[in-house]
């Protein structure tokens, strides 16, 4: 839960210039939507599971001794995607 909370109220950070694309890359929107569809499929598949009992290591850092329950993992993913959508909105507004 703490991870999701830190993502919901992040401190503003500047991205390195190299991370600012000069032009849109082909296929990014399609890849984003495909990932979103995969997430919805996973939610549907996990519908019958006990999300509090099922524990897993964080996918981006499996070496950490931390174990998240499935509900928190889904919440973190949702918050992360919302942040990306907000970034997209800010970039569109600046163009």
PDB file of N, CA and C in Angstrom:
ATOM      1  N   UNK A   1       0.823  -1.194   0.000  1.00  0.00           N
ATOM      2  CA  UNK A   1       0.000   0.000   0.000  1.00  0.00           C
ATOM      3  C   UNK A   1       0.868   1.258   0.000  1.00  0.00           C
ATOM      4  N   UNK A   2       1.965   1.217   0.720  1.00  0.00           N
ATOM      5  CA  UNK A   2       2.864   2.376   0.791  1.00  0.00           C
ATOM      6  C   UNK A   2       3.425   2.705  -0.593  1.00  0.00           C
ATOM      7  N   UNK A   3       3.713   1.693  -1.379  1.00  0.00           N
ATOM      8  CA  UNK A   3       4.250   1.923  -2.725  1.00  0.00           C
ATOM      9  C   UNK A   3       3.218   2.656  -3.570  1.00  0.00           C
ATOM     10  N   UNK A   4       1.984   2.185  -3.545  1.00  0.00           N
ATOM     11  CA  UNK A   4       0.926   2.836  -4.319  1.00  0.00           C
ATOM     12  C   UNK A   4       0.704   4.264  -3.843  1.00  0.00           C
ATOM     13  N   UNK A   5       0.735   4.482  -2.529  1.00  0.00           N
ATOM     14  CA  UNK A   5       0.553   5.839  -2.000  1.00  0.00           C
ATOM     15  C   UNK A   5       1.661   6.769  -2.468  1.00  0.00           C
ATOM     16  N   UNK A   6       2.891   6.257  -2.512  1.00  0.00           N
ATOM     17  CA  UNK A   6       3.994   7.110  -2.973  1.00  0.00           C
ATOM     18  C   UNK A   6       3.848   7.445  -4.450  1.00  0.00           C
ATOM     19  N   UNK A   7       3.251   6.555  -5.226  1.00  0.00           N
ATOM     20  CA  UNK A   7       3.021   6.828  -6.648  1.00  0.00           C
ATOM     21  C   UNK A   7       1.851   7.788  -6.855  1.00  0.00           C
ATOM     22  N   UNK A   8       0.877   7.758  -5.959  1.00  0.00           N
ATOM     23  CA  UNK A   8      -0.292   8.630  -6.089  1.00  0.00           C
ATOM     24  C   UNK A   8       0.043  10.087  -5.792  1.00  0.00           C
ATOM     25  N   UNK A   9       0.992  10.310  -4.892  1.00  0.00           N
ATOM     26  CA  UNK A   9       1.369  11.675  -4.517  1.00  0.00           C
ATOM     27  C   UNK A   9       2.873  11.849  -4.698  1.00  0.00           C
ATOM     28  N   UNK A  10       3.329  11.758  -5.938  1.00  0.00           N
ATOM     29  CA  UNK A  10       4.778  11.835  -6.154  1.00  0.00           C
ATOM     30  C   UNK A  10       5.298  13.258  -6.061  1.00  0.00           C
ATOM     31  N   UNK A  11       6.575  13.348  -5.767  1.00  0.00           N
ATOM     32  CA  UNK A  11       7.240  14.643  -5.832  1.00  0.00           C
ATOM     33  C   UNK A  11       7.551  14.911  -7.296  1.00  0.00           C
ATOM     34  N   UNK A  12       7.353  16.140  -7.771  1.00  0.00           N
ATOM     35  CA  UNK A  12       7.643  16.426  -9.168  1.00  0.00           C
ATOM     36  C   UNK A  12       9.136  16.244  -9.457  1.00  0.00           C
ATOM     37  N   UNK A  13       9.420  15.551 -10.526  1.00  0.00           N
ATOM     38  CA  UNK A  13      10.798  15.336 -10.952  1.00  0.00           C
ATOM     39  C   UNK A  13      10.937  15.721 -12.413  1.00  0.00           C
ATOM     40  N   UNK A  14      12.046  16.261 -12.767  1.00  0.00           N
ATOM     41  CA  UNK A  14      12.334  16.542 -14.178  1.00  0.00           C
ATOM     42  C   UNK A  14      12.921  15.284 -14.783  1.00  0.00           C
ATOM     43  N   UNK A  15      12.500  14.978 -15.982  1.00  0.00           N
ATOM     44  CA  UNK A  15      13.086  13.821 -16.651  1.00  0.00           C
ATOM     45  C   UNK A  15      14.359  14.259 -17.371  1.00  0.00           C
ATOM     46  N   UNK A  16      15.314  13.346 -17.501  1.00  0.00           N
ATOM     47  CA  UNK A  16      16.520  13.700 -18.236  1.00  0.00           C
ATOM     48  C   UNK A  16      16.179  14.027 -19.690  1.00  0.00           C
ATOM     49  N   UNK A  17      16.933  14.916 -20.300  1.00  0.00           N
ATOM     50  CA  UNK A  17      16.647  15.323 -21.688  1.00  0.00           C
ATOM     51  C   UNK A  17      16.591  14.120 -22.620  1.00  0.00           C
ATOM     52  N   UNK A  18      17.433  13.111 -22.362  1.00  0.00           N
ATOM     53  CA  UNK A  18      17.448  11.944 -23.229  1.00  0.00           C
ATOM     54  C   UNK A  18      16.120  11.180 -23.166  1.00  0.00           C
ATOM     55  N   UNK A  19      15.371  11.340 -22.070  1.00  0.00           N
ATOM     56  CA  UNK A  19      14.093  10.657 -21.914  1.00  0.00           C
ATOM     57  C   UNK A  19      12.956  11.400 -22.611  1.00  0.00           C
ATOM     58  N   UNK A  20      13.210  12.601 -23.098  1.00  0.00           N
ATOM     59  CA  UNK A  20      12.183  13.370 -23.800  1.00  0.00           C
ATOM     60  C   UNK A  20      12.267  13.079 -25.290  1.00  0.00           C
ATOM     61  N   UNK A  21      11.304  12.324 -25.819  1.00  0.00           N
ATOM     62  CA  UNK A  21      11.381  11.979 -27.241  1.00  0.00           C
ATOM     63  C   UNK A  21      11.190  13.206 -28.132  1.00  0.00           C
ATOM     64  N   UNK A  22      11.936  13.249 -29.224  1.00  0.00           N
ATOM     65  CA  UNK A  22      11.820  14.351 -30.180  1.00  0.00           C
ATOM     66  C   UNK A  22      10.576  14.184 -31.045  1.00  0.00           C
ATOM     67  N   UNK A  23      10.224  12.950 -31.320  1.00  0.00           N
ATOM     68  CA  UNK A  23       9.045  12.661 -32.150  1.00  0.00           C
ATOM     69  C   UNK A  23       8.396  11.380 -31.633  1.00  0.00           C
ATOM     70  N   UNK A  24       7.100  11.254 -31.826  1.00  0.00           N
ATOM     71  CA  UNK A  24       6.433  10.032 -31.377  1.00  0.00           C
ATOM     72  C   UNK A  24       7.020   8.799 -32.073  1.00  0.00           C
ATOM     73  N   UNK A  25       7.144   7.730 -31.317  1.00  0.00           N
ATOM     74  CA  UNK A  25       7.627   6.476 -31.890  1.00  0.00           C
ATOM     75  C   UNK A  25       6.453   5.662 -32.397  1.00  0.00           C
ATOM     76  N   UNK A  26       6.674   4.966 -33.487  1.00  0.00           N
ATOM     77  CA  UNK A  26       5.623   4.129 -34.074  1.00  0.00           C
ATOM     78  C   UNK A  26       5.269   2.985 -33.131  1.00  0.00           C
ATOM     79  N   UNK A  27       3.997   2.708 -33.012  1.00  0.00           N
ATOM     80  CA  UNK A  27       3.530   1.548 -32.270  1.00  0.00           C
ATOM     81  C   UNK A  27       3.407   1.722 -30.765  1.00  0.00           C
ATOM     82  N   UNK A  28       3.733   2.897 -30.240  1.00  0.00           N
ATOM     83  CA  UNK A  28       3.686   3.078 -28.786  1.00  0.00           C
ATOM     84  C   UNK A  28       2.248   3.002 -28.282  1.00  0.00           C
ATOM     85  N   UNK A  29       1.335   3.677 -28.942  1.00  0.00           N
ATOM     86  CA  UNK A  29      -0.067   3.666 -28.503  1.00  0.00           C
ATOM     87  C   UNK A  29      -0.636   2.252 -28.573  1.00  0.00           C
ATOM     88  N   UNK A  30      -0.310   1.535 -29.631  1.00  0.00           N
ATOM     89  CA  UNK A  30      -0.806   0.171 -29.788  1.00  0.00           C
ATOM     90  C   UNK A  30      -0.253  -0.738 -28.687  1.00  0.00           C
ATOM     91  N   UNK A  31       1.034  -0.570 -28.367  1.00  0.00           N
ATOM     92  CA  UNK A  31       1.651  -1.380 -27.306  1.00  0.00           C
ATOM     93  C   UNK A  31       1.012  -1.053 -25.959  1.00  0.00           C
ATOM     94  N   UNK A  32       0.735   0.224 -25.706  1.00  0.00           N
ATOM     95  CA  UNK A  32       0.093   0.629 -24.459  1.00  0.00           C
ATOM     96  C   UNK A  32      -1.292  -0.005 -24.349  1.00  0.00           C
ATOM     97  N   UNK A  33      -2.065   0.062 -25.408  1.00  0.00           N
ATOM     98  CA  UNK A  33      -3.412  -0.509 -25.390  1.00  0.00           C
ATOM     99  C   UNK A  33      -3.379  -2.029 -25.268  1.00  0.00           C
ATOM    100  N   UNK A  34      -2.395  -2.676 -25.883  1.00  0.00           N
ATOM    101  CA  UNK A  34      -2.262  -4.126 -25.759  1.00  0.00           C
ATOM    102  C   UNK A  34      -1.936  -4.504 -24.313  1.00  0.00           C
ATOM    103  N   UNK A  35      -1.066  -3.723 -23.663  1.00  0.00           N
ATOM    104  CA  UNK A  35      -0.757  -3.968 -22.259  1.00  0.00           C
ATOM    105  C   UNK A  35      -1.974  -3.778 -21.373  1.00  0.00           C
ATOM    106  N   UNK A  36      -2.781  -2.774 -21.687  1.00  0.00           N
ATOM    107  CA  UNK A  36      -4.006  -2.514 -20.947  1.00  0.00           C
ATOM    108  C   UNK A  36      -4.987  -3.673 -21.105  1.00  0.00           C
ATOM    109  N   UNK A  37      -5.104  -4.196 -22.314  1.00  0.00           N
ATOM    110  CA  UNK A  37      -5.988  -5.343 -22.559  1.00  0.00           C
ATOM    111  C   UNK A  37      -5.492  -6.570 -21.795  1.00  0.00           C
ATOM    112  N   UNK A  38      -4.182  -6.760 -21.759  1.00  0.00           N
ATOM    113  CA  UNK A  38      -3.598  -7.890 -21.009  1.00  0.00           C
ATOM    114  C   UNK A  38      -3.903  -7.736 -19.514  1.00  0.00           C
ATOM    115  N   UNK A  39      -3.802  -6.532 -19.000  1.00  0.00           N
ATOM    116  CA  UNK A  39      -4.113  -6.279 -17.594  1.00  0.00           C
ATOM    117  C   UNK A  39      -5.575  -6.628 -17.295  1.00  0.00           C
ATOM    118  N   UNK A  40      -6.484  -6.228 -18.175  1.00  0.00           N
ATOM    119  CA  UNK A  40      -7.903  -6.565 -17.982  1.00  0.00           C
ATOM    120  C   UNK A  40      -8.126  -8.067 -18.006  1.00  0.00           C
ATOM    121  N   UNK A  41      -7.410  -8.775 -18.883  1.00  0.00           N
ATOM    122  CA  UNK A  41      -7.502 -10.238 -18.923  1.00  0.00           C
ATOM    123  C   UNK A  41      -7.012 -10.849 -17.606  1.00  0.00           C
ATOM    124  N   UNK A  42      -5.903 -10.311 -17.074  1.00  0.00           N
ATOM    125  CA  UNK A  42      -5.377 -10.820 -15.811  1.00  0.00           C
ATOM    126  C   UNK A  42      -6.356 -10.569 -14.660  1.00  0.00           C
ATOM    127  N   UNK A  43      -6.984  -9.402 -14.656  1.00  0.00           N
ATOM    128  CA  UNK A  43      -7.990  -9.117 -13.625  1.00  0.00           C
ATOM    129  C   UNK A  43      -9.149 -10.108 -13.710  1.00  0.00           C
ATOM    130  N   UNK A  44      -9.585 -10.381 -14.921  1.00  0.00           N
ATOM    131  CA  UNK A  44     -10.693 -11.317 -15.123  1.00  0.00           C
ATOM    132  C   UNK A  44     -10.295 -12.723 -14.658  1.00  0.00           C
ATOM    133  N   UNK A  45      -9.082 -13.148 -14.987  1.00  0.00           N
ATOM    134  CA  UNK A  45      -8.588 -14.464 -14.590  1.00  0.00           C
ATOM    135  C   UNK A  45      -8.451 -14.566 -13.071  1.00  0.00           C
ATOM    136  N   UNK A  46      -8.014 -13.495 -12.437  1.00  0.00           N
ATOM    137  CA  UNK A  46      -7.771 -13.496 -10.991  1.00  0.00           C
ATOM    138  C   UNK A  46      -9.018 -13.209 -10.172  1.00  0.00           C
ATOM    139  N   UNK A  47     -10.117 -13.031 -10.818  1.00  0.00           N
ATOM    140  CA  UNK A  47     -11.364 -12.647 -10.163  1.00  0.00           C
ATOM    141  C   UNK A  47     -11.749 -13.576  -9.007  1.00  0.00           C
ATOM    142  N   UNK A  48     -11.482 -14.856  -9.142  1.00  0.00           N
ATOM    143  CA  UNK A  48     -11.919 -15.819  -8.131  1.00  0.00           C
ATOM    144  C   UNK A  48     -10.870 -16.076  -7.042  1.00  0.00           C
ATOM    145  N   UNK A  49      -9.706 -15.455  -7.148  1.00  0.00           N
ATOM    146  CA  UNK A  49      -8.630 -15.677  -6.178  1.00  0.00           C
ATOM    147  C   UNK A  49      -8.783 -14.780  -4.957  1.00  0.00           C
ATOM    148  N   UNK A  50      -8.183 -15.188  -3.850  1.00  0.00           N
ATOM    149  CA  UNK A  50      -8.127 -14.349  -2.651  1.00  0.00           C
ATOM    150  C   UNK A  50      -6.928 -13.419  -2.815  1.00  0.00           C
ATOM    151  N   UNK A  51      -7.164 -12.176  -3.177  1.00  0.00           N
ATOM    152  CA  UNK A  51      -6.097 -11.226  -3.503  1.00  0.00           C
ATOM    153  C   UNK A  51      -5.259 -10.858  -2.280  1.00  0.00           C
ATOM    154  N   UNK A  52      -5.807 -11.019  -1.078  1.00  0.00           N
ATOM    155  CA  UNK A  52      -5.034 -10.721   0.132  1.00  0.00           C
ATOM    156  C   UNK A  52      -4.116 -11.877   0.513  1.00  0.00           C
ATOM    157  N   UNK A  53      -4.511 -13.090   0.183  1.00  0.00           N
ATOM    158  CA  UNK A  53      -3.724 -14.267   0.568  1.00  0.00           C
ATOM    159  C   UNK A  53      -2.600 -14.564  -0.424  1.00  0.00           C
ATOM    160  N   UNK A  54      -2.809 -14.278  -1.675  1.00  0.00           N
ATOM    161  CA  UNK A  54      -1.817 -14.584  -2.703  1.00  0.00           C
ATOM    162  C   UNK A  54      -0.710 -13.538  -2.676  1.00  0.00           C
ATOM    163  N   UNK A  55       0.529 -13.979  -2.501  1.00  0.00           N
ATOM    164  CA  UNK A  55       1.675 -13.064  -2.375  1.00  0.00           C
ATOM    165  C   UNK A  55       2.659 -13.306  -3.502  1.00  0.00           C
ATOM    166  N   UNK A  56       3.328 -12.233  -3.933  1.00  0.00           N
ATOM    167  CA  UNK A  56       4.325 -12.337  -4.986  1.00  0.00           C
ATOM    168  C   UNK A  56       5.403 -11.291  -4.779  1.00  0.00           C
ATOM    169  N   UNK A  57       6.540 -11.549  -5.370  1.00  0.00           N
ATOM    170  CA  UNK A  57       7.623 -10.567  -5.325  1.00  0.00           C
ATOM    171  C   UNK A  57       7.325  -9.492  -6.375  1.00  0.00           C
ATOM    172  N   UNK A  58       7.760  -8.257  -6.126  1.00  0.00           N
ATOM    173  CA  UNK A  58       7.478  -7.189  -7.103  1.00  0.00           C
ATOM    174  C   UNK A  58       8.141  -7.516  -8.452  1.00  0.00           C
ATOM    175  N   UNK A  59       7.385  -7.565  -9.537  1.00  0.00           N
ATOM    176  CA  UNK A  59       7.967  -7.909 -10.840  1.00  0.00           C
ATOM    177  C   UNK A  59       9.157  -7.039 -11.254  1.00  0.00           C
ATOM    178  N   UNK A  60       9.158  -5.710 -10.990  1.00  0.00           N
ATOM    179  CA  UNK A  60      10.331  -4.941 -11.417  1.00  0.00           C
ATOM    180  C   UNK A  60      11.569  -5.166 -10.545  1.00  0.00           C
ATOM    181  N   UNK A  61      11.389  -5.774  -9.357  1.00  0.00           N
ATOM    182  CA  UNK A  61      12.520  -5.989  -8.460  1.00  0.00           C
ATOM    183  C   UNK A  61      12.342  -7.317  -7.707  1.00  0.00           C
ATOM    184  N   UNK A  62      12.401  -8.447  -8.416  1.00  0.00           N
ATOM    185  CA  UNK A  62      12.124  -9.732  -7.759  1.00  0.00           C
ATOM    186  C   UNK A  62      13.161 -10.136  -6.707  1.00  0.00           C
ATOM    187  N   UNK A  63      14.318  -9.484  -6.692  1.00  0.00           N
ATOM    188  CA  UNK A  63      15.350  -9.815  -5.708  1.00  0.00           C
ATOM    189  C   UNK A  63      15.056  -9.229  -4.325  1.00  0.00           C
ATOM    190  N   UNK A  64      14.135  -8.276  -4.247  1.00  0.00           N
ATOM    191  CA  UNK A  64      13.805  -7.678  -2.954  1.00  0.00           C
ATOM    192  C   UNK A  64      13.110  -8.701  -2.059  1.00  0.00           C
ATOM    193  N   UNK A  65      13.349  -8.646  -0.756  1.00  0.00           N
ATOM    194  CA  UNK A  65      12.684  -9.590   0.151  1.00  0.00           C
ATOM    195  C   UNK A  65      11.198  -9.265   0.362  1.00  0.00           C
ATOM    196  N   UNK A  66      10.749  -8.160  -0.191  1.00  0.00           N
ATOM    197  CA  UNK A  66       9.359  -7.715  -0.079  1.00  0.00           C
ATOM    198  C   UNK A  66       8.430  -8.670  -0.837  1.00  0.00           C
ATOM    199  N   UNK A  67       7.279  -8.953  -0.241  1.00  0.00           N
ATOM    200  CA  UNK A  67       6.263  -9.754  -0.935  1.00  0.00           C
ATOM    201  C   UNK A  67       4.944  -8.989  -0.866  1.00  0.00           C
ATOM    202  N   UNK A  68       4.375  -8.724  -2.031  1.00  0.00           N
ATOM    203  CA  UNK A  68       3.128  -7.972  -2.133  1.00  0.00           C
ATOM    204  C   UNK A  68       1.953  -8.930  -2.260  1.00  0.00           C
ATOM    205  N   UNK A  69       0.805  -8.524  -1.745  1.00  0.00           N
ATOM    206  CA  UNK A  69      -0.370  -9.337  -2.059  1.00  0.00           C
ATOM    207  C   UNK A  69      -0.859  -8.928  -3.445  1.00  0.00           C
ATOM    208  N   UNK A  70      -1.637  -9.781  -4.065  1.00  0.00           N
ATOM    209  CA  UNK A  70      -2.071  -9.551  -5.440  1.00  0.00           C
ATOM    210  C   UNK A  70      -2.895  -8.272  -5.575  1.00  0.00           C
ATOM    211  N   UNK A  71      -3.710  -7.964  -4.594  1.00  0.00           N
ATOM    212  CA  UNK A  71      -4.511  -6.737  -4.633  1.00  0.00           C
ATOM    213  C   UNK A  71      -3.628  -5.498  -4.689  1.00  0.00           C
ATOM    214  N   UNK A  72      -2.574  -5.481  -3.868  1.00  0.00           N
ATOM    215  CA  UNK A  72      -1.657  -4.340  -3.884  1.00  0.00           C
ATOM    216  C   UNK A  72      -0.909  -4.263  -5.209  1.00  0.00           C
ATOM    217  N   UNK A  73      -0.526  -5.419  -5.759  1.00  0.00           N
ATOM    218  CA  UNK A  73       0.181  -5.423  -7.046  1.00  0.00           C
ATOM    219  C   UNK A  73      -0.713  -4.829  -8.145  1.00  0.00           C
ATOM    220  N   UNK A  74      -1.981  -5.209  -8.161  1.00  0.00           N
ATOM    221  CA  UNK A  74      -2.901  -4.639  -9.157  1.00  0.00           C
ATOM    222  C   UNK A  74      -3.099  -3.146  -8.917  1.00  0.00           C
ATOM    223  N   UNK A  75      -3.178  -2.735  -7.650  1.00  0.00           N
ATOM    224  CA  UNK A  75      -3.357  -1.317  -7.326  1.00  0.00           C
ATOM    225  C   UNK A  75      -2.143  -0.508  -7.784  1.00  0.00           C
ATOM    226  N   UNK A  76      -0.945  -1.010  -7.522  1.00  0.00           N
ATOM    227  CA  UNK A  76       0.269  -0.319  -7.954  1.00  0.00           C
ATOM    228  C   UNK A  76       0.283  -0.170  -9.469  1.00  0.00           C
ATOM    229  N   UNK A  77      -0.096  -1.219 -10.176  1.00  0.00           N
ATOM    230  CA  UNK A  77      -0.122  -1.144 -11.646  1.00  0.00           C
ATOM    231  C   UNK A  77      -1.112  -0.068 -12.113  1.00  0.00           C
ATOM    232  N   UNK A  78      -2.280  -0.036 -11.503  1.00  0.00           N
ATOM    233  CA  UNK A  78      -3.302   0.945 -11.885  1.00  0.00           C
ATOM    234  C   UNK A  78      -2.818   2.371 -11.643  1.00  0.00           C
ATOM    235  N   UNK A  79      -2.203   2.609 -10.490  1.00  0.00           N
ATOM    236  CA  UNK A  79      -1.677   3.942 -10.171  1.00  0.00           C
ATOM    237  C   UNK A  79      -0.565   4.313 -11.153  1.00  0.00           C
ATOM    238  N   UNK A  80       0.286   3.355 -11.471  1.00  0.00           N
ATOM    239  CA  UNK A  80       1.387   3.597 -12.408  1.00  0.00           C
ATOM    240  C   UNK A  80       0.853   4.001 -13.791  1.00  0.00           C
ATOM    241  N   UNK A  81      -0.162   3.302 -14.255  1.00  0.00           N
ATOM    242  CA  UNK A  81      -0.752   3.627 -15.562  1.00  0.00           C
ATOM    243  C   UNK A  81      -1.393   5.014 -15.523  1.00  0.00           C
ATOM    244  N   UNK A  82      -2.058   5.348 -14.421  1.00  0.00           N
ATOM    245  CA  UNK A  82      -2.648   6.692 -14.297  1.00  0.00           C
ATOM    246  C   UNK A  82      -1.578   7.776 -14.397  1.00  0.00           C
ATOM    247  N   UNK A  83      -0.420   7.520 -13.794  1.00  0.00           N
ATOM    248  CA  UNK A  83       0.679   8.497 -13.878  1.00  0.00           C
ATOM    249  C   UNK A  83       1.121   8.677 -15.323  1.00  0.00           C
ATOM    250  N   UNK A  84       1.230   7.569 -16.059  1.00  0.00           N
ATOM    251  CA  UNK A  84       1.616   7.681 -17.465  1.00  0.00           C
ATOM    252  C   UNK A  84       0.569   8.453 -18.265  1.00  0.00           C
ATOM    253  N   UNK A  85      -0.700   8.216 -17.983  1.00  0.00           N
ATOM    254  CA  UNK A  85      -1.752   8.955 -18.688  1.00  0.00           C
ATOM    255  C   UNK A  85      -1.677  10.449 -18.373  1.00  0.00           C
ATOM    256  N   UNK A  86      -1.350  10.793 -17.137  1.00  0.00           N
ATOM    257  CA  UNK A  86      -1.189  12.195 -16.781  1.00  0.00           C
ATOM    258  C   UNK A  86       0.007  12.794 -17.511  1.00  0.00           C
ATOM    259  N   UNK A  87       1.095  12.029 -17.630  1.00  0.00           N
ATOM    260  CA  UNK A  87       2.267  12.501 -18.376  1.00  0.00           C
ATOM    261  C   UNK A  87       1.905  12.755 -19.838  1.00  0.00           C
ATOM    262  N   UNK A  88       1.131  11.842 -20.407  1.00  0.00           N
ATOM    263  CA  UNK A  88       0.705  12.007 -21.792  1.00  0.00           C
ATOM    264  C   UNK A  88      -0.108  13.288 -21.941  1.00  0.00           C
ATOM    265  N   UNK A  89      -1.017  13.521 -20.989  1.00  0.00           N
ATOM    266  CA  UNK A  89      -1.823  14.730 -21.036  1.00  0.00           C
ATOM    267  C   UNK A  89      -0.974  15.995 -20.958  1.00  0.00           C
ATOM    268  N   UNK A  90       0.055  15.987 -20.107  1.00  0.00           N
ATOM    269  CA  UNK A  90       0.917  17.157 -19.995  1.00  0.00           C
ATOM    270  C   UNK A  90       1.725  17.386 -21.277  1.00  0.00           C
ATOM    271  N   UNK A  91       2.190  16.324 -21.875  1.00  0.00           N
ATOM    272  CA  UNK A  91       2.959  16.453 -23.122  1.00  0.00           C
ATOM    273  C   UNK A  91       2.048  16.982 -24.221  1.00  0.00           C
ATOM    274  N   UNK A  92       0.831  16.455 -24.319  1.00  0.00           N
ATOM    275  CA  UNK A  92      -0.101  16.933 -25.348  1.00  0.00           C
ATOM    276  C   UNK A  92      -0.419  18.419 -25.163  1.00  0.00           C
ATOM    277  N   UNK A  93      -0.600  18.818 -23.900  1.00  0.00           N
ATOM    278  CA  UNK A  93      -0.917  20.220 -23.618  1.00  0.00           C
ATOM    279  C   UNK A  93       0.235  21.136 -23.971  1.00  0.00           C
ATOM    280  N   UNK A  94       1.454  20.648 -23.861  1.00  0.00           N
ATOM    281  CA  UNK A  94       2.647  21.477 -24.140  1.00  0.00           C
ATOM    282  C   UNK A  94       2.925  21.595 -25.634  1.00  0.00           C
ATOM    283  N   UNK A  95       2.340  20.727 -26.423  1.00  0.00           N
ATOM    284  CA  UNK A  95       2.611  20.744 -27.870  1.00  0.00           C
ATOM    285  C   UNK A  95       1.734  21.725 -28.589  1.00  0.00           C
TER     286      UNK A  95
END
